[in-house]
PDB file of N, CA and C in Angstrom:
ATOM      1  N   MET A   1     117.211  95.532  89.492  1.00  0.00           N
ATOM      2  CA  MET A   1     116.066  94.723  89.160  1.00  0.00           C
ATOM      3  C   MET A   1     114.931  95.061  90.128  1.00  0.00           C
ATOM      4  N   LEU A   2     113.744  95.138  89.588  1.00  0.00           N
ATOM      5  CA  LEU A   2     112.575  95.428  90.420  1.00  0.00           C
ATOM      6  C   LEU A   2     112.132  94.181  91.179  1.00  0.00           C
ATOM      7  N   LYS A   3     111.736  94.397  92.409  1.00  0.00           N
ATOM      8  CA  LYS A   3     111.178  93.323  93.229  1.00  0.00           C
ATOM      9  C   LYS A   3     109.706  93.156  92.863  1.00  0.00           C
ATOM     10  N   PRO A   4     109.138  91.973  93.098  1.00  0.00           N
ATOM     11  CA  PRO A   4     107.719  91.756  92.781  1.00  0.00           C
ATOM     12  C   PRO A   4     106.791  92.764  93.463  1.00  0.00           C
ATOM     13  N   ASP A   5     107.093  93.150  94.701  1.00  0.00           N
ATOM     14  CA  ASP A   5     106.268  94.139  95.396  1.00  0.00           C
ATOM     15  C   ASP A   5     106.304  95.488  94.685  1.00  0.00           C
ATOM     16  N   GLU A   6     107.476  95.871  94.198  1.00  0.00           N
ATOM     17  CA  GLU A   6     107.607  97.141  93.486  1.00  0.00           C
ATOM     18  C   GLU A   6     106.835  97.125  92.172  1.00  0.00           C
ATOM     19  N   VAL A   7     106.873  95.995  91.485  1.00  0.00           N
ATOM     20  CA  VAL A   7     106.113  95.857  90.238  1.00  0.00           C
ATOM     21  C   VAL A   7     104.617  95.978  90.524  1.00  0.00           C
ATOM     22  N   ALA A   8     104.156  95.345  91.583  1.00  0.00           N
ATOM     23  CA  ALA A   8     102.737  95.426  91.953  1.00  0.00           C
ATOM     24  C   ALA A   8     102.347  96.867  92.291  1.00  0.00           C
ATOM     25  N   ASP A   9     103.208  97.573  92.998  1.00  0.00           N
ATOM     26  CA  ASP A   9     102.933  98.972  93.347  1.00  0.00           C
ATOM     27  C   ASP A   9     102.843  99.837  92.090  1.00  0.00           C
ATOM     28  N   ILE A  10     103.778  99.654  91.172  1.00  0.00           N
ATOM     29  CA  ILE A  10     103.778 100.424  89.927  1.00  0.00           C
ATOM     30  C   ILE A  10     102.545 100.090  89.091  1.00  0.00           C
ATOM     31  N   ASN A  11     102.205  98.812  89.018  1.00  0.00           N
ATOM     32  CA  ASN A  11     101.010  98.414  88.269  1.00  0.00           C
ATOM     33  C   ASN A  11      99.756  99.078  88.832  1.00  0.00           C
ATOM     34  N   LEU A  12      99.678  99.154  90.142  1.00  0.00           N
ATOM     35  CA  LEU A  12      98.515  99.789  90.760  1.00  0.00           C
ATOM     36  C   LEU A  12      98.495 101.289  90.465  1.00  0.00           C
ATOM     37  N   LEU A  13      99.630 101.945  90.546  1.00  0.00           N
ATOM     38  CA  LEU A  13      99.687 103.370  90.220  1.00  0.00           C
ATOM     39  C   LEU A  13      99.261 103.626  88.773  1.00  0.00           C
ATOM     40  N   CYS A  14      99.525 102.685  87.906  1.00  0.00           N
ATOM     41  CA  CYS A  14      99.159 102.840  86.495  1.00  0.00           C
ATOM     42  C   CYS A  14      97.668 102.647  86.245  1.00  0.00           C
ATOM     43  N   GLN A  15      96.946 102.178  87.222  1.00  0.00           N
ATOM     44  CA  GLN A  15      95.501 102.003  87.071  1.00  0.00           C
ATOM     45  C   GLN A  15      94.718 103.284  87.359  1.00  0.00           C
ATOM     46  N   PHE A  16      95.363 104.276  87.938  1.00  0.00           N
ATOM     47  CA  PHE A  16      94.668 105.527  88.242  1.00  0.00           C
ATOM     48  C   PHE A  16      94.486 106.347  86.971  1.00  0.00           C
ATOM     49  N   ASN A  17      93.335 106.978  86.862  1.00  0.00           N
ATOM     50  CA  ASN A  17      93.008 107.831  85.726  1.00  0.00           C
ATOM     51  C   ASN A  17      93.572 109.223  85.989  1.00  0.00           C
ATOM     52  N   LEU A  18      94.633 109.571  85.293  1.00  0.00           N
ATOM     53  CA  LEU A  18      95.273 110.868  85.500  1.00  0.00           C
ATOM     54  C   LEU A  18      94.472 112.008  84.892  1.00  0.00           C
ATOM     55  N   ALA A  19      93.552 111.692  84.000  1.00  0.00           N
ATOM     56  CA  ALA A  19      92.728 112.733  83.377  1.00  0.00           C
ATOM     57  C   ALA A  19      91.641 113.223  84.325  1.00  0.00           C
ATOM     58  N   ASN A  20      91.366 112.457  85.373  1.00  0.00           N
ATOM     59  CA  ASN A  20      90.323 112.832  86.331  1.00  0.00           C
ATOM     60  C   ASN A  20      90.795 112.459  87.736  1.00  0.00           C
ATOM     61  N   THR A  21      91.392 113.411  88.423  1.00  0.00           N
ATOM     62  CA  THR A  21      91.937 113.125  89.757  1.00  0.00           C
ATOM     63  C   THR A  21      90.848 112.915  90.806  1.00  0.00           C
ATOM     64  N   LEU A  22      89.597 113.185  90.445  1.00  0.00           N
ATOM     65  CA  LEU A  22      88.489 112.924  91.362  1.00  0.00           C
ATOM     66  C   LEU A  22      87.987 111.488  91.237  1.00  0.00           C
ATOM     67  N   GLU A  23      88.618 110.726  90.379  1.00  0.00           N
ATOM     68  CA  GLU A  23      88.272 109.321  90.202  1.00  0.00           C
ATOM     69  C   GLU A  23      89.303 108.484  90.945  1.00  0.00           C
ATOM     70  N   GLY A  24      88.872 107.755  91.940  1.00  0.00           N
ATOM     71  CA  GLY A  24      89.788 106.945  92.725  1.00  0.00           C
ATOM     72  C   GLY A  24      89.628 105.471  92.429  1.00  0.00           C
ATOM     73  N   LEU A  25      90.243 104.664  93.252  1.00  0.00           N
ATOM     74  CA  LEU A  25      90.148 103.208  93.151  1.00  0.00           C
ATOM     75  C   LEU A  25      89.710 102.645  94.492  1.00  0.00           C
ATOM     76  N   LYS A  26      88.950 101.573  94.436  1.00  0.00           N
ATOM     77  CA  LYS A  26      88.530 100.860  95.649  1.00  0.00           C
ATOM     78  C   LYS A  26      88.947  99.407  95.473  1.00  0.00           C
ATOM     79  N   ILE A  27      89.800  98.929  96.336  1.00  0.00           N
ATOM     80  CA  ILE A  27      90.268  97.550  96.293  1.00  0.00           C
ATOM     81  C   ILE A  27      89.493  96.773  97.363  1.00  0.00           C
ATOM     82  N   HIS A  28      88.698  95.830  96.918  1.00  0.00           N
ATOM     83  CA  HIS A  28      87.892  95.019  97.841  1.00  0.00           C
ATOM     84  C   HIS A  28      88.743  93.846  98.326  1.00  0.00           C
ATOM     85  N   LYS A  29      89.132  93.895  99.584  1.00  0.00           N
ATOM     86  CA  LYS A  29      90.065  92.916 100.140  1.00  0.00           C
ATOM     87  C   LYS A  29      89.576  91.476 100.017  1.00  0.00           C
ATOM     88  N   HIS A  30      88.278  91.263 100.119  1.00  0.00           N
ATOM     89  CA  HIS A  30      87.761  89.900 100.064  1.00  0.00           C
ATOM     90  C   HIS A  30      87.633  89.386  98.638  1.00  0.00           C
ATOM     91  N   GLU A  31      87.794  90.255  97.639  1.00  0.00           N
ATOM     92  CA  GLU A  31      87.672  89.841  96.236  1.00  0.00           C
ATOM     93  C   GLU A  31      88.979  89.980  95.467  1.00  0.00           C
ATOM     94  N   ALA A  32      89.841  90.893  95.861  1.00  0.00           N
ATOM     95  CA  ALA A  32      91.057  91.208  95.105  1.00  0.00           C
ATOM     96  C   ALA A  32      92.178  90.217  95.404  1.00  0.00           C
ATOM     97  N   ASP A  33      93.082  90.136  94.458  1.00  0.00           N
ATOM     98  CA  ASP A  33      94.291  89.332  94.614  1.00  0.00           C
ATOM     99  C   ASP A  33      95.088  89.841  95.813  1.00  0.00           C
ATOM    100  N   THR A  34      95.704  88.930  96.544  1.00  0.00           N
ATOM    101  CA  THR A  34      96.445  89.330  97.746  1.00  0.00           C
ATOM    102  C   THR A  34      97.600  90.288  97.430  1.00  0.00           C
ATOM    103  N   ALA A  35      98.211  90.138  96.258  1.00  0.00           N
ATOM    104  CA  ALA A  35      99.304  91.040  95.875  1.00  0.00           C
ATOM    105  C   ALA A  35      98.780  92.462  95.672  1.00  0.00           C
ATOM    106  N   LEU A  36      97.575  92.590  95.122  1.00  0.00           N
ATOM    107  CA  LEU A  36      96.962  93.897  94.911  1.00  0.00           C
ATOM    108  C   LEU A  36      96.583  94.538  96.239  1.00  0.00           C
ATOM    109  N   VAL A  37      96.046  93.753  97.142  1.00  0.00           N
ATOM    110  CA  VAL A  37      95.690  94.249  98.476  1.00  0.00           C
ATOM    111  C   VAL A  37      96.951  94.737  99.202  1.00  0.00           C
ATOM    112  N   ALA A  38      98.009  93.965  99.122  1.00  0.00           N
ATOM    113  CA  ALA A  38      99.262  94.355  99.770  1.00  0.00           C
ATOM    114  C   ALA A  38      99.830  95.622  99.131  1.00  0.00           C
ATOM    115  N   ALA A  39      99.715  95.735  97.807  1.00  0.00           N
ATOM    116  CA  ALA A  39     100.239  96.919  97.107  1.00  0.00           C
ATOM    117  C   ALA A  39      99.516  98.176  97.557  1.00  0.00           C
ATOM    118  N   VAL A  40      98.203  98.131  97.639  1.00  0.00           N
ATOM    119  CA  VAL A  40      97.463  99.342  98.025  1.00  0.00           C
ATOM    120  C   VAL A  40      97.760  99.712  99.474  1.00  0.00           C
ATOM    121  N   GLU A  41      97.970  98.728 100.317  1.00  0.00           N
ATOM    122  CA  GLU A  41      98.325  99.025 101.710  1.00  0.00           C
ATOM    123  C   GLU A  41      99.711  99.671 101.789  1.00  0.00           C
ATOM    124  N   ARG A  42     100.643  99.193 100.972  1.00  0.00           N
ATOM    125  CA  ARG A  42     101.981  99.804 100.948  1.00  0.00           C
ATOM    126  C   ARG A  42     101.901 101.248 100.445  1.00  0.00           C
ATOM    127  N   LEU A  43     101.140 101.466  99.383  1.00  0.00           N
ATOM    128  CA  LEU A  43     101.006 102.813  98.836  1.00  0.00           C
ATOM    129  C   LEU A  43     100.369 103.753  99.858  1.00  0.00           C
ATOM    130  N   HIS A  44      99.425 103.249 100.639  1.00  0.00           N
ATOM    131  CA  HIS A  44      98.805 104.063 101.677  1.00  0.00           C
ATOM    132  C   HIS A  44      99.820 104.413 102.772  1.00  0.00           C
ATOM    133  N   LYS A  45     100.591 103.423 103.197  1.00  0.00           N
ATOM    134  CA  LYS A  45     101.604 103.673 104.234  1.00  0.00           C
ATOM    135  C   LYS A  45     102.660 104.666 103.768  1.00  0.00           C
ATOM    136  N   GLN A  46     102.928 104.692 102.481  1.00  0.00           N
ATOM    137  CA  GLN A  46     103.919 105.610 101.920  1.00  0.00           C
ATOM    138  C   GLN A  46     103.321 106.981 101.619  1.00  0.00           C
ATOM    139  N   GLY A  47     102.024 107.136 101.847  1.00  0.00           N
ATOM    140  CA  GLY A  47     101.382 108.419 101.626  1.00  0.00           C
ATOM    141  C   GLY A  47     101.052 108.710 100.172  1.00  0.00           C
ATOM    142  N   LEU A  48     100.901 107.677  99.355  1.00  0.00           N
ATOM    143  CA  LEU A  48     100.609 107.875  97.938  1.00  0.00           C
ATOM    144  C   LEU A  48      99.118 107.817  97.630  1.00  0.00           C
ATOM    145  N   VAL A  49      98.354 107.111  98.454  1.00  0.00           N
ATOM    146  CA  VAL A  49      96.896 107.065  98.312  1.00  0.00           C
ATOM    147  C   VAL A  49      96.250 107.414  99.647  1.00  0.00           C
ATOM    148  N   THR A  50      95.015 107.874  99.583  1.00  0.00           N
ATOM    149  CA  THR A  50      94.367 108.413 100.773  1.00  0.00           C
ATOM    150  C   THR A  50      93.789 107.366 101.719  1.00  0.00           C
ATOM    151  N   GLN A  51      93.492 106.179 101.216  1.00  0.00           N
ATOM    152  CA  GLN A  51      92.853 105.151 102.046  1.00  0.00           C
ATOM    153  C   GLN A  51      93.633 103.843 101.979  1.00  0.00           C
ATOM    154  N   HIS A  52      93.497 103.021 103.000  1.00  0.00           N
ATOM    155  CA  HIS A  52      94.189 101.726 103.025  1.00  0.00           C
ATOM    156  C   HIS A  52      93.673 100.773 101.966  1.00  0.00           C
ATOM    157  N   ASP A  53      92.492 101.052 101.413  1.00  0.00           N
ATOM    158  CA  ASP A  53      91.931 100.213 100.355  1.00  0.00           C
ATOM    159  C   ASP A  53      91.838 100.961  99.025  1.00  0.00           C
ATOM    160  N   GLY A  54      92.613 102.012  98.887  1.00  0.00           N
ATOM    161  CA  GLY A  54      92.646 102.758  97.632  1.00  0.00           C
ATOM    162  C   GLY A  54      92.370 104.225  97.841  1.00  0.00           C
ATOM    163  N   GLY A  55      91.175 104.626  97.465  1.00  0.00           N
ATOM    164  CA  GLY A  55      90.825 106.029  97.587  1.00  0.00           C
ATOM    165  C   GLY A  55      91.394 106.821  96.431  1.00  0.00           C
ATOM    166  N   TYR A  56      91.918 107.987  96.743  1.00  0.00           N
ATOM    167  CA  TYR A  56      92.445 108.906  95.735  1.00  0.00           C
ATOM    168  C   TYR A  56      93.951 109.034  95.887  1.00  0.00           C
ATOM    169  N   LEU A  57      94.577 109.505  94.816  1.00  0.00           N
ATOM    170  CA  LEU A  57      96.004 109.784  94.885  1.00  0.00           C
ATOM    171  C   LEU A  57      96.242 111.044  95.708  1.00  0.00           C
ATOM    172  N   THR A  58      97.252 111.032  96.537  1.00  0.00           N
ATOM    173  CA  THR A  58      97.709 112.249  97.206  1.00  0.00           C
ATOM    174  C   THR A  58      98.551 113.025  96.179  1.00  0.00           C
ATOM    175  N   SER A  59      99.027 114.195  96.528  1.00  0.00           N
ATOM    176  CA  SER A  59      99.859 114.935  95.575  1.00  0.00           C
ATOM    177  C   SER A  59     101.143 114.153  95.264  1.00  0.00           C
ATOM    178  N   LEU A  60     101.722 113.502  96.270  1.00  0.00           N
ATOM    179  CA  LEU A  60     102.891 112.657  96.036  1.00  0.00           C
ATOM    180  C   LEU A  60     102.521 111.460  95.161  1.00  0.00           C
ATOM    181  N   GLY A  61     101.359 110.878  95.429  1.00  0.00           N
ATOM    182  CA  GLY A  61     100.885 109.753  94.633  1.00  0.00           C
ATOM    183  C   GLY A  61     100.625 110.139  93.189  1.00  0.00           C
ATOM    184  N   LEU A  62     100.100 111.347  92.991  1.00  0.00           N
ATOM    185  CA  LEU A  62      99.869 111.834  91.633  1.00  0.00           C
ATOM    186  C   LEU A  62     101.198 111.959  90.887  1.00  0.00           C
ATOM    187  N   ASP A  63     102.205 112.495  91.545  1.00  0.00           N
ATOM    188  CA  ASP A  63     103.536 112.581  90.933  1.00  0.00           C
ATOM    189  C   ASP A  63     104.054 111.194  90.565  1.00  0.00           C
ATOM    190  N   ALA A  64     103.922 110.250  91.488  1.00  0.00           N
ATOM    191  CA  ALA A  64     104.408 108.890  91.250  1.00  0.00           C
ATOM    192  C   ALA A  64     103.651 108.228  90.104  1.00  0.00           C
ATOM    193  N   ALA A  65     102.329 108.388  90.073  1.00  0.00           N
ATOM    194  CA  ALA A  65     101.515 107.790  89.012  1.00  0.00           C
ATOM    195  C   ALA A  65     101.846 108.414  87.660  1.00  0.00           C
ATOM    196  N   GLU A  66     102.060 109.713  87.634  1.00  0.00           N
ATOM    197  CA  GLU A  66     102.429 110.382  86.377  1.00  0.00           C
ATOM    198  C   GLU A  66     103.750 109.827  85.847  1.00  0.00           C
ATOM    199  N   HIS A  67     104.730 109.659  86.737  1.00  0.00           N
ATOM    200  CA  HIS A  67     106.023 109.119  86.314  1.00  0.00           C
ATOM    201  C   HIS A  67     105.890 107.665  85.857  1.00  0.00           C
ATOM    202  N   ALA A  68     105.143 106.872  86.596  1.00  0.00           N
ATOM    203  CA  ALA A  68     104.968 105.461  86.242  1.00  0.00           C
ATOM    204  C   ALA A  68     104.286 105.325  84.885  1.00  0.00           C
ATOM    205  N   GLN A  69     103.232 106.106  84.682  1.00  0.00           N
ATOM    206  CA  GLN A  69     102.500 106.014  83.431  1.00  0.00           C
ATOM    207  C   GLN A  69     103.306 106.571  82.262  1.00  0.00           C
ATOM    208  N   ALA A  70     104.097 107.608  82.512  1.00  0.00           N
ATOM    209  CA  ALA A  70     104.963 108.155  81.463  1.00  0.00           C
ATOM    210  C   ALA A  70     106.014 107.120  81.052  1.00  0.00           C
ATOM    211  N   LEU A  71     106.588 106.431  82.023  1.00  0.00           N
ATOM    212  CA  LEU A  71     107.576 105.405  81.717  1.00  0.00           C
ATOM    213  C   LEU A  71     106.964 104.307  80.852  1.00  0.00           C
ATOM    214  N   LEU A  72     105.775 103.861  81.198  1.00  0.00           N
ATOM    215  CA  LEU A  72     105.115 102.828  80.394  1.00  0.00           C
ATOM    216  C   LEU A  72     104.844 103.318  78.976  1.00  0.00           C
ATOM    217  N   THR A  73     104.450 104.566  78.857  1.00  0.00           N
ATOM    218  CA  THR A  73     104.211 105.133  77.521  1.00  0.00           C
ATOM    219  C   THR A  73     105.484 105.081  76.688  1.00  0.00           C
ATOM    220  N   ILE A  74     106.601 105.456  77.296  1.00  0.00           N
ATOM    221  CA  ILE A  74     107.882 105.435  76.589  1.00  0.00           C
ATOM    222  C   ILE A  74     108.270 104.002  76.215  1.00  0.00           C
ATOM    223  N   LEU A  75     108.147 103.078  77.144  1.00  0.00           N
ATOM    224  CA  LEU A  75     108.546 101.707  76.893  1.00  0.00           C
ATOM    225  C   LEU A  75     107.667 101.023  75.856  1.00  0.00           C
ATOM    226  N   ARG A  76     106.418 101.419  75.779  1.00  0.00           N
ATOM    227  CA  ARG A  76     105.473 100.786  74.845  1.00  0.00           C
ATOM    228  C   ARG A  76     105.428 101.472  73.482  1.00  0.00           C
ATOM    229  N   ALA A  77     106.160 102.554  73.339  1.00  0.00           N
ATOM    230  CA  ALA A  77     106.143 103.285  72.078  1.00  0.00           C
ATOM    231  C   ALA A  77     106.772 102.437  70.975  1.00  0.00           C
ATOM    232  N   ASP A  78     106.232 102.581  69.784  1.00  0.00           N
ATOM    233  CA  ASP A  78     106.754 101.877  68.621  1.00  0.00           C
ATOM    234  C   ASP A  78     108.076 102.519  68.227  1.00  0.00           C
ATOM    235  N   PRO A  79     109.160 101.758  68.239  1.00  0.00           N
ATOM    236  CA  PRO A  79     110.468 102.341  67.941  1.00  0.00           C
ATOM    237  C   PRO A  79     110.645 102.733  66.477  1.00  0.00           C
ATOM    238  N   ALA A  80     109.687 102.451  65.651  1.00  0.00           N
ATOM    239  CA  ALA A  80     109.789 102.777  64.216  1.00  0.00           C
ATOM    240  C   ALA A  80     109.871 104.237  64.064  1.00  0.00           C
TER     241      ALA A  80
END
């Protein structure tokens, strides 16, 4: 079972635009949900994003985001 922190991390990875790796995310700590702020800090500590408040995906982060987004695509596919 996924922990809430892991779900938040995966949700954040799914927000990155894989079609344009030069497009990053900026999480404004004073405006964002605390779970989102914590997720981006965890991803930064793990080397998945370039900045503590978002930035760009690292090569490891790009791999993780691709896998996360692919999984969602599979799970959301119409089984018909």
